[in-house]
Amino acid sequence: MIETPYLLFLGDAPDGLAAKVAQGIKDWRPEHAIGQLRLAGCKADLGIPDLSIAEAIDKGVRTLVIGVANRGGIISASWKSVLLEALDAGLDLASGLHNLLRDEPELVARAKALGRSLHDVRIPPLAYPIANGKRRSGKRVLAVGTDCSVGKMYTALCLEKAMLSRGQRATFRATGQTGILITGDGVPLDAVVADFMAGAIEHLTPDNAPDHWDLIEGQGSLFHASYSGVTLALIHGGQPDALILCHEPNRPHMRGLPDYQLPSLEALRDTALLMARIVNPACQVVGISLNTAAMGADEALTLCEATEARMGLPTVDPFRHGAQRLAEALDGL
């Protein structure tokens, strides 16, 4: 178990999206997010106290969490001195990067000498089966996006909150490092060998009560040249009964791909539904989630209303407005 509370390390994140792991923990487990530690040039800010390692320990912090999700998931050389200092001071380390803490000899040696723990949450906890495509009892909803990092995890977490408040049976199913750090369980899907990714999602969302909903955390995008494979595995392994379309309207281009523009919501709807109906012919698109964090309240509401009129689907920013209408859209499925 990863000991709480946390000091969230933002490193030299170039923008807020690069610190999405830390942001997710701060938003969904604020009681664990005691402070942030930023290096010179960091352009992310969670709006919580900036603390040194010594100050964090004085406030009861037990673990330094690497809250950065950079391209390629690399532990930067500029971070090493901070990580070693944290171990020396008595903190454990936790990371969801592809570059594992346990593969860094300096960190392993220091942790072993001091009796500290290194937690790599992006290691599949078991050997998953190959997907068999068989229908399972219970119901499932999947958030799919026009791009990476547009709010798919937030949509599923907000939906869980709304459904539980209505007395419905629902469980958020984490498929990435942030979701796992928030909930303590899940499948680090992009670290699973490709042939077993869909099977891992079948395992994550097994047979359940007929009225129980698994709310599957989305990853990547069918339209992203780098990460489309993980999205398709989620669709085919999850066999969703419902899809929610996720979009951030202010993106100038696909995340990390300046030569690629975001697809329209119509293109996402048609493509995702086509893929989903291969494994579940009854799948429906039930709603739209817009990430309006960069907009004012009035502008956000106007955009949601215009998008709903255009698409004919309930449209909200679930983190801003709540996900009640998305929960209602699942009624009767």
Protein backbone atom coordinates (compact mmCIF):
# COMPACT_ATOMS: atom_id res chain seq x y z
CA MET A 1 0.00 0.00 0.00
CA ILE A 2 1.16 3.54 -0.80
CA GLU A 3 1.25 5.55 2.40
CA THR A 4 -0.59 8.87 2.48
CA PRO A 5 -0.59 11.86 2.56
CA TYR A 6 1.39 12.95 -0.48
CA LEU A 7 3.77 15.64 -1.64
CA LEU A 8 3.01 16.03 -5.34
CA PHE A 9 6.14 16.51 -7.43
CA LEU A 10 5.51 18.56 -10.58
CA GLY A 11 9.12 18.72 -11.73
CA ASP A 12 9.57 21.07 -14.66
CA ALA A 13 6.15 20.43 -16.22
CA PRO A 14 5.71 22.72 -19.25
CA ASP A 15 1.96 23.18 -18.70
CA GLY A 16 -0.94 22.05 -16.57
CA LEU A 17 -1.75 19.04 -18.75
CA ALA A 18 1.72 17.63 -18.17
CA ALA A 19 0.90 17.51 -14.45
CA LYS A 20 -2.44 15.77 -14.94
CA VAL A 21 -1.55 12.94 -12.53
CA ALA A 22 -1.02 15.41 -9.70
CA GLN A 23 -4.08 17.42 -10.73
CA GLY A 24 -6.25 14.32 -10.63
CA ILE A 25 -5.07 13.39 -7.15
CA LYS A 26 -5.59 16.95 -5.91
CA ASP A 27 -9.11 17.14 -7.37
CA TRP A 28 -10.33 13.70 -6.27
CA ARG A 29 -8.29 13.01 -3.13
CA PRO A 30 -7.63 16.54 -1.79
CA GLU A 31 -7.14 15.19 1.72
CA HIS A 32 -4.02 13.37 0.46
CA ALA A 33 -2.58 16.35 -1.46
CA ILE A 34 -0.70 18.26 1.25
CA GLY A 35 1.52 20.27 -1.07
CA GLN A 36 3.36 20.55 -4.37
CA LEU A 37 7.07 20.65 -5.18
CA ARG A 38 8.08 22.46 -8.37
CA LEU A 39 11.42 22.94 -10.06
CA ALA A 40 12.56 26.16 -11.73
CA GLY A 41 10.67 26.70 -14.98
CA CYS A 42 7.64 24.63 -13.97
CA LYS A 43 4.51 26.11 -15.55
CA ALA A 44 1.98 23.94 -13.74
CA ASP A 45 0.34 25.02 -10.50
CA LEU A 46 -2.23 23.02 -8.53
CA GLY A 47 -3.10 25.94 -6.28
CA ILE A 48 -1.90 24.14 -3.15
CA PRO A 49 1.08 25.12 -0.95
CA ASP A 50 4.58 24.95 -2.40
CA LEU A 51 6.57 22.92 0.09
CA SER A 52 10.14 21.82 0.45
CA ILE A 53 10.72 18.20 1.37
CA ALA A 54 11.51 19.20 4.95
CA GLU A 55 8.33 21.30 5.20
CA ALA A 56 6.28 18.44 3.76
CA ILE A 57 7.62 16.00 6.34
CA ASP A 58 6.77 18.47 9.11
CA LYS A 59 3.17 18.39 7.81
CA GLY A 60 3.02 14.59 7.95
CA VAL A 61 3.71 13.68 4.31
CA ARG A 62 4.71 10.03 3.85
CA THR A 63 5.17 9.67 0.08
CA LEU A 64 6.47 11.86 -2.75
CA VAL A 65 4.35 11.15 -5.82
CA ILE A 66 5.70 11.98 -9.27
CA GLY A 67 2.68 13.84 -10.58
CA VAL A 68 3.98 14.45 -14.11
CA ALA A 69 2.88 12.50 -17.17
CA ASN A 70 5.40 13.57 -19.81
CA ARG A 71 5.60 12.20 -23.35
CA GLY A 72 7.28 8.81 -23.13
CA GLY A 73 6.97 8.65 -19.35
CA ILE A 74 10.62 9.41 -18.61
CA ILE A 75 12.25 10.12 -15.25
CA SER A 76 14.22 13.25 -16.11
CA ALA A 77 17.84 13.50 -15.03
CA SER A 78 17.01 16.88 -13.47
CA TRP A 79 14.62 15.15 -11.06
CA LYS A 80 17.09 12.66 -9.63
CA SER A 81 18.54 14.88 -6.92
CA VAL A 82 15.04 15.67 -5.61
CA LEU A 83 14.03 12.00 -5.57
CA LEU A 84 17.21 11.04 -3.73
CA GLU A 85 16.68 13.89 -1.26
CA ALA A 86 13.15 12.64 -0.59
CA LEU A 87 14.42 9.13 0.16
CA ASP A 88 17.16 10.53 2.42
CA ALA A 89 14.57 12.55 4.33
CA GLY A 90 12.39 9.51 5.00
CA LEU A 91 9.80 9.60 2.22
CA ASP A 92 8.74 6.74 -0.03
CA LEU A 93 8.41 7.36 -3.78
CA ALA A 94 5.46 6.58 -6.05
CA SER A 95 5.29 6.91 -9.83
CA GLY A 96 3.05 6.04 -12.73
CA LEU A 97 5.67 6.63 -15.42
CA HIS A 98 6.73 4.05 -17.99
CA ASN A 99 10.30 4.64 -16.81
CA LEU A 100 10.08 2.58 -13.61
CA LEU A 101 11.59 3.65 -10.31
CA ARG A 102 12.83 0.10 -9.82
CA ASP A 103 14.89 0.38 -13.02
CA GLU A 104 16.90 3.33 -11.69
CA PRO A 105 19.95 1.86 -9.89
CA GLU A 106 20.65 4.96 -7.78
CA LEU A 107 17.11 5.08 -6.46
CA VAL A 108 16.96 1.33 -5.82
CA ALA A 109 20.26 1.34 -3.90
CA ARG A 110 19.31 4.37 -1.79
CA ALA A 111 15.82 3.01 -1.03
CA LYS A 112 17.22 -0.37 -0.02
CA ALA A 113 19.87 1.19 2.23
CA LEU A 114 17.30 3.40 3.97
CA GLY A 115 14.39 0.96 4.11
CA ARG A 116 12.23 3.12 1.87
CA SER A 117 9.63 1.83 -0.64
CA LEU A 118 9.46 2.48 -4.39
CA HIS A 119 5.94 2.15 -5.79
CA ASP A 120 5.56 1.71 -9.56
CA VAL A 121 1.82 1.72 -10.29
CA ARG A 122 2.35 1.18 -14.02
CA ILE A 123 3.21 -2.49 -13.59
CA PRO A 124 0.43 -4.94 -14.51
CA PRO A 125 -0.36 -6.80 -11.26
CA LEU A 126 -1.08 -10.14 -12.96
CA ALA A 127 -0.93 -12.03 -16.26
CA TYR A 128 -4.10 -11.17 -18.16
CA PRO A 129 -5.89 -13.52 -20.57
CA ILE A 130 -6.47 -12.92 -24.26
CA ALA A 131 -9.93 -11.46 -24.81
CA ASN A 132 -12.64 -13.94 -25.78
CA GLY A 133 -15.37 -11.47 -26.74
CA LYS A 134 -18.09 -13.28 -24.75
CA ARG A 135 -20.94 -11.17 -23.45
CA ARG A 136 -20.96 -10.53 -19.70
CA SER A 137 -23.80 -9.67 -17.35
CA GLY A 138 -24.06 -6.17 -15.97
CA LYS A 139 -23.73 -2.90 -17.87
CA ARG A 140 -20.76 -0.80 -18.94
CA VAL A 141 -20.15 2.76 -20.08
CA LEU A 142 -16.94 4.02 -21.66
CA ALA A 143 -15.74 7.59 -22.14
CA VAL A 144 -14.08 8.11 -25.55
CA GLY A 145 -12.30 11.29 -26.60
CA THR A 146 -11.45 13.42 -29.59
CA ASP A 147 -7.91 13.54 -28.14
CA CYS A 148 -5.79 12.49 -25.17
CA SER A 149 -6.21 14.29 -21.84
CA VAL A 150 -9.59 15.82 -22.58
CA GLY A 151 -11.37 14.68 -19.41
CA LYS A 152 -12.29 11.01 -19.88
CA MET A 153 -11.24 10.01 -16.36
CA TYR A 154 -12.97 13.03 -14.81
CA THR A 155 -16.12 12.18 -16.76
CA ALA A 156 -16.20 8.64 -15.38
CA LEU A 157 -15.47 9.77 -11.81
CA CYS A 158 -18.12 12.49 -11.98
CA LEU A 159 -20.58 9.98 -13.40
CA GLU A 160 -19.88 7.57 -10.54
CA LYS A 161 -20.54 10.34 -8.02
CA ALA A 162 -23.82 11.28 -9.72
CA MET A 163 -25.04 7.70 -10.07
CA LEU A 164 -24.26 6.80 -6.47
CA SER A 165 -26.14 9.91 -5.32
CA ARG A 166 -29.17 8.61 -7.23
CA GLY A 167 -28.93 5.24 -5.49
CA GLN A 168 -27.63 3.43 -8.57
CA ARG A 169 -25.04 0.68 -8.47
CA ALA A 170 -21.88 1.94 -10.19
CA THR A 171 -18.12 1.40 -9.97
CA PHE A 172 -15.35 3.47 -11.50
CA ARG A 173 -12.80 1.19 -13.20
CA ALA A 174 -9.35 2.76 -13.42
CA THR A 175 -7.23 2.00 -16.48
CA GLY A 176 -4.35 4.46 -16.04
CA GLN A 177 -1.84 5.57 -13.46
CA THR A 178 -3.82 8.55 -12.19
CA GLY A 179 -7.00 6.57 -11.70
CA ILE A 180 -5.07 3.84 -9.90
CA LEU A 181 -3.41 6.38 -7.58
CA ILE A 182 -6.84 7.88 -6.84
CA THR A 183 -8.72 4.62 -6.21
CA GLY A 184 -5.93 2.20 -5.27
CA ASP A 185 -6.94 -0.38 -7.88
CA GLY A 186 -7.18 -0.91 -11.63
CA VAL A 187 -5.28 -1.94 -14.76
CA PRO A 188 -2.34 0.14 -16.10
CA LEU A 189 -3.55 -0.60 -19.60
CA ASP A 190 -0.82 1.05 -21.64
CA ALA A 191 1.75 -1.12 -19.85
CA VAL A 192 -0.02 -4.37 -20.78
CA VAL A 193 1.37 -6.36 -23.74
CA ALA A 194 -0.77 -5.52 -26.77
CA ASP A 195 -2.30 -8.97 -27.31
CA PHE A 196 -3.63 -8.95 -23.75
CA MET A 197 -5.00 -5.39 -23.47
CA ALA A 198 -8.61 -6.23 -24.37
CA GLY A 199 -8.44 -9.28 -22.12
CA ALA A 200 -7.27 -7.08 -19.24
CA ILE A 201 -10.41 -4.96 -19.62
CA GLU A 202 -12.61 -8.06 -19.73
CA HIS A 203 -10.94 -9.08 -16.47
CA LEU A 204 -11.44 -5.59 -14.98
CA THR A 205 -15.16 -5.57 -15.83
CA PRO A 206 -16.39 -9.12 -15.12
CA ASP A 207 -19.95 -10.46 -14.84
CA ASN A 208 -22.00 -8.35 -12.47
CA ALA A 209 -25.55 -7.73 -11.32
CA PRO A 210 -27.90 -6.80 -14.18
CA ASP A 211 -28.40 -3.26 -12.84
CA HIS A 212 -24.73 -2.60 -12.02
CA TRP A 213 -22.74 -0.17 -14.17
CA ASP A 214 -18.98 -0.34 -14.64
CA LEU A 215 -17.73 3.14 -15.52
CA ILE A 216 -14.58 2.50 -17.55
CA GLU A 217 -11.86 5.14 -17.59
CA GLY A 218 -11.03 6.03 -21.18
CA GLN A 219 -7.50 6.30 -22.61
CA GLY A 220 -6.02 7.84 -25.73
CA SER A 221 -8.18 8.48 -28.78
CA LEU A 222 -9.11 6.52 -31.87
CA PHE A 223 -7.90 9.57 -33.83
CA HIS A 224 -4.51 9.93 -32.11
CA ALA A 225 -1.72 8.47 -34.22
CA SER A 226 0.32 7.60 -31.11
CA TYR A 227 -2.30 6.13 -28.77
CA SER A 228 -5.23 4.79 -30.78
CA GLY A 229 -4.44 1.15 -29.98
CA VAL A 230 -5.19 1.48 -26.29
CA THR A 231 -8.57 3.07 -27.08
CA LEU A 232 -9.62 0.24 -29.35
CA ALA A 233 -8.63 -2.30 -26.71
CA LEU A 234 -10.88 -0.50 -24.23
CA ILE A 235 -13.78 -0.54 -26.67
CA HIS A 236 -13.48 -4.21 -27.57
CA GLY A 237 -12.56 -5.43 -24.10
CA GLY A 238 -15.17 -3.28 -22.38
CA GLN A 239 -18.05 -4.15 -24.73
CA PRO A 240 -19.75 -0.91 -23.66
CA ASP A 241 -23.51 -0.55 -23.62
CA ALA A 242 -23.05 3.22 -23.71
CA LEU A 243 -20.45 5.70 -24.92
CA ILE A 244 -19.91 9.26 -23.72
CA LEU A 245 -18.04 11.57 -26.10
CA CYS A 246 -15.36 13.77 -24.49
CA HIS A 247 -13.89 16.90 -26.02
CA GLU A 248 -11.85 19.98 -25.11
CA PRO A 249 -12.97 22.75 -27.48
CA ASN A 250 -9.91 25.02 -27.24
CA ARG A 251 -7.23 22.61 -28.49
CA PRO A 252 -5.23 23.99 -31.44
CA HIS A 253 -4.16 20.46 -32.47
CA MET A 254 -3.89 16.89 -31.19
CA ARG A 255 -1.85 16.58 -27.99
CA GLY A 256 1.82 16.24 -29.01
CA LEU A 257 0.95 16.11 -32.74
CA PRO A 258 0.93 19.65 -34.19
CA ASP A 259 0.27 18.37 -37.72
CA TYR A 260 -3.04 16.73 -36.70
CA GLN A 261 -6.29 18.54 -36.01
CA LEU A 262 -8.94 17.24 -33.63
CA PRO A 263 -11.83 15.38 -35.24
CA SER A 264 -15.38 16.63 -34.96
CA LEU A 265 -17.74 15.19 -32.38
CA GLU A 266 -19.73 13.76 -35.27
CA ALA A 267 -16.67 11.88 -36.54
CA LEU A 268 -15.92 10.59 -33.04
CA ARG A 269 -19.53 9.47 -32.59
CA ASP A 270 -19.65 7.59 -35.86
CA THR A 271 -16.21 5.97 -35.62
CA ALA A 272 -16.43 4.93 -31.96
CA LEU A 273 -19.94 3.55 -32.40
CA LEU A 274 -18.87 1.54 -35.43
CA MET A 275 -16.04 -0.05 -33.43
CA ALA A 276 -18.21 -0.64 -30.35
CA ARG A 277 -21.00 -2.38 -32.26
CA ILE A 278 -18.54 -5.05 -33.41
CA VAL A 279 -18.66 -6.45 -29.86
CA ASN A 280 -21.99 -5.03 -28.66
CA PRO A 281 -24.51 -4.32 -31.45
CA ALA A 282 -26.81 -2.55 -28.96
CA CYS A 283 -24.24 0.07 -27.93
CA GLN A 284 -25.48 3.67 -27.95
CA VAL A 285 -23.91 7.12 -27.67
CA VAL A 286 -25.76 8.72 -24.74
CA GLY A 287 -24.09 12.04 -24.00
CA ILE A 288 -21.28 14.53 -24.43
CA SER A 289 -18.74 15.76 -21.88
CA LEU A 290 -17.03 19.07 -22.64
CA ASN A 291 -13.89 20.16 -20.78
CA THR A 292 -14.50 23.90 -20.38
CA ALA A 293 -11.83 24.58 -17.76
CA ALA A 294 -10.30 27.33 -19.92
CA MET A 295 -13.65 29.15 -20.36
CA GLY A 296 -15.72 31.51 -18.29
CA ALA A 297 -18.99 30.25 -16.82
CA ASP A 298 -21.28 31.92 -19.34
CA GLU A 299 -19.17 30.91 -22.33
CA ALA A 300 -19.08 27.32 -21.11
CA LEU A 301 -22.83 27.13 -20.65
CA THR A 302 -23.47 28.67 -24.08
CA LEU A 303 -21.15 26.14 -25.72
CA CYS A 304 -22.81 23.22 -23.94
CA GLU A 305 -26.24 24.40 -25.05
CA ALA A 306 -25.12 24.91 -28.66
CA THR A 307 -23.42 21.51 -28.78
CA GLU A 308 -26.50 19.81 -27.35
CA ALA A 309 -28.71 21.46 -29.95
CA ARG A 310 -26.34 20.39 -32.74
CA MET A 311 -25.74 16.83 -31.59
CA GLY A 312 -29.10 16.01 -30.00
CA LEU A 313 -27.40 14.60 -26.90
CA PRO A 314 -27.24 15.85 -23.28
CA THR A 315 -24.08 17.95 -23.04
CA VAL A 316 -22.38 19.14 -19.86
CA ASP A 317 -19.03 19.83 -18.32
CA PRO A 318 -19.44 17.18 -15.60
CA PHE A 319 -16.74 18.59 -13.32
CA ARG A 320 -18.25 22.06 -13.55
CA HIS A 321 -21.97 21.30 -13.85
CA GLY A 322 -22.23 17.79 -12.40
CA ALA A 323 -22.95 14.58 -14.30
CA GLN A 324 -26.59 14.18 -13.28
CA ARG A 325 -27.87 14.47 -16.85
CA LEU A 326 -25.35 11.94 -18.09
CA ALA A 327 -26.49 9.54 -15.36
CA GLU A 328 -30.10 10.11 -16.38
CA ALA A 329 -29.18 9.31 -20.01
CA LEU A 330 -28.28 5.76 -18.91
CA ASP A 331 -31.76 5.11 -17.55
CA GLY A 332 -33.57 2.42 -19.50
CA LEU A 333 -30.45 0.94 -21.14
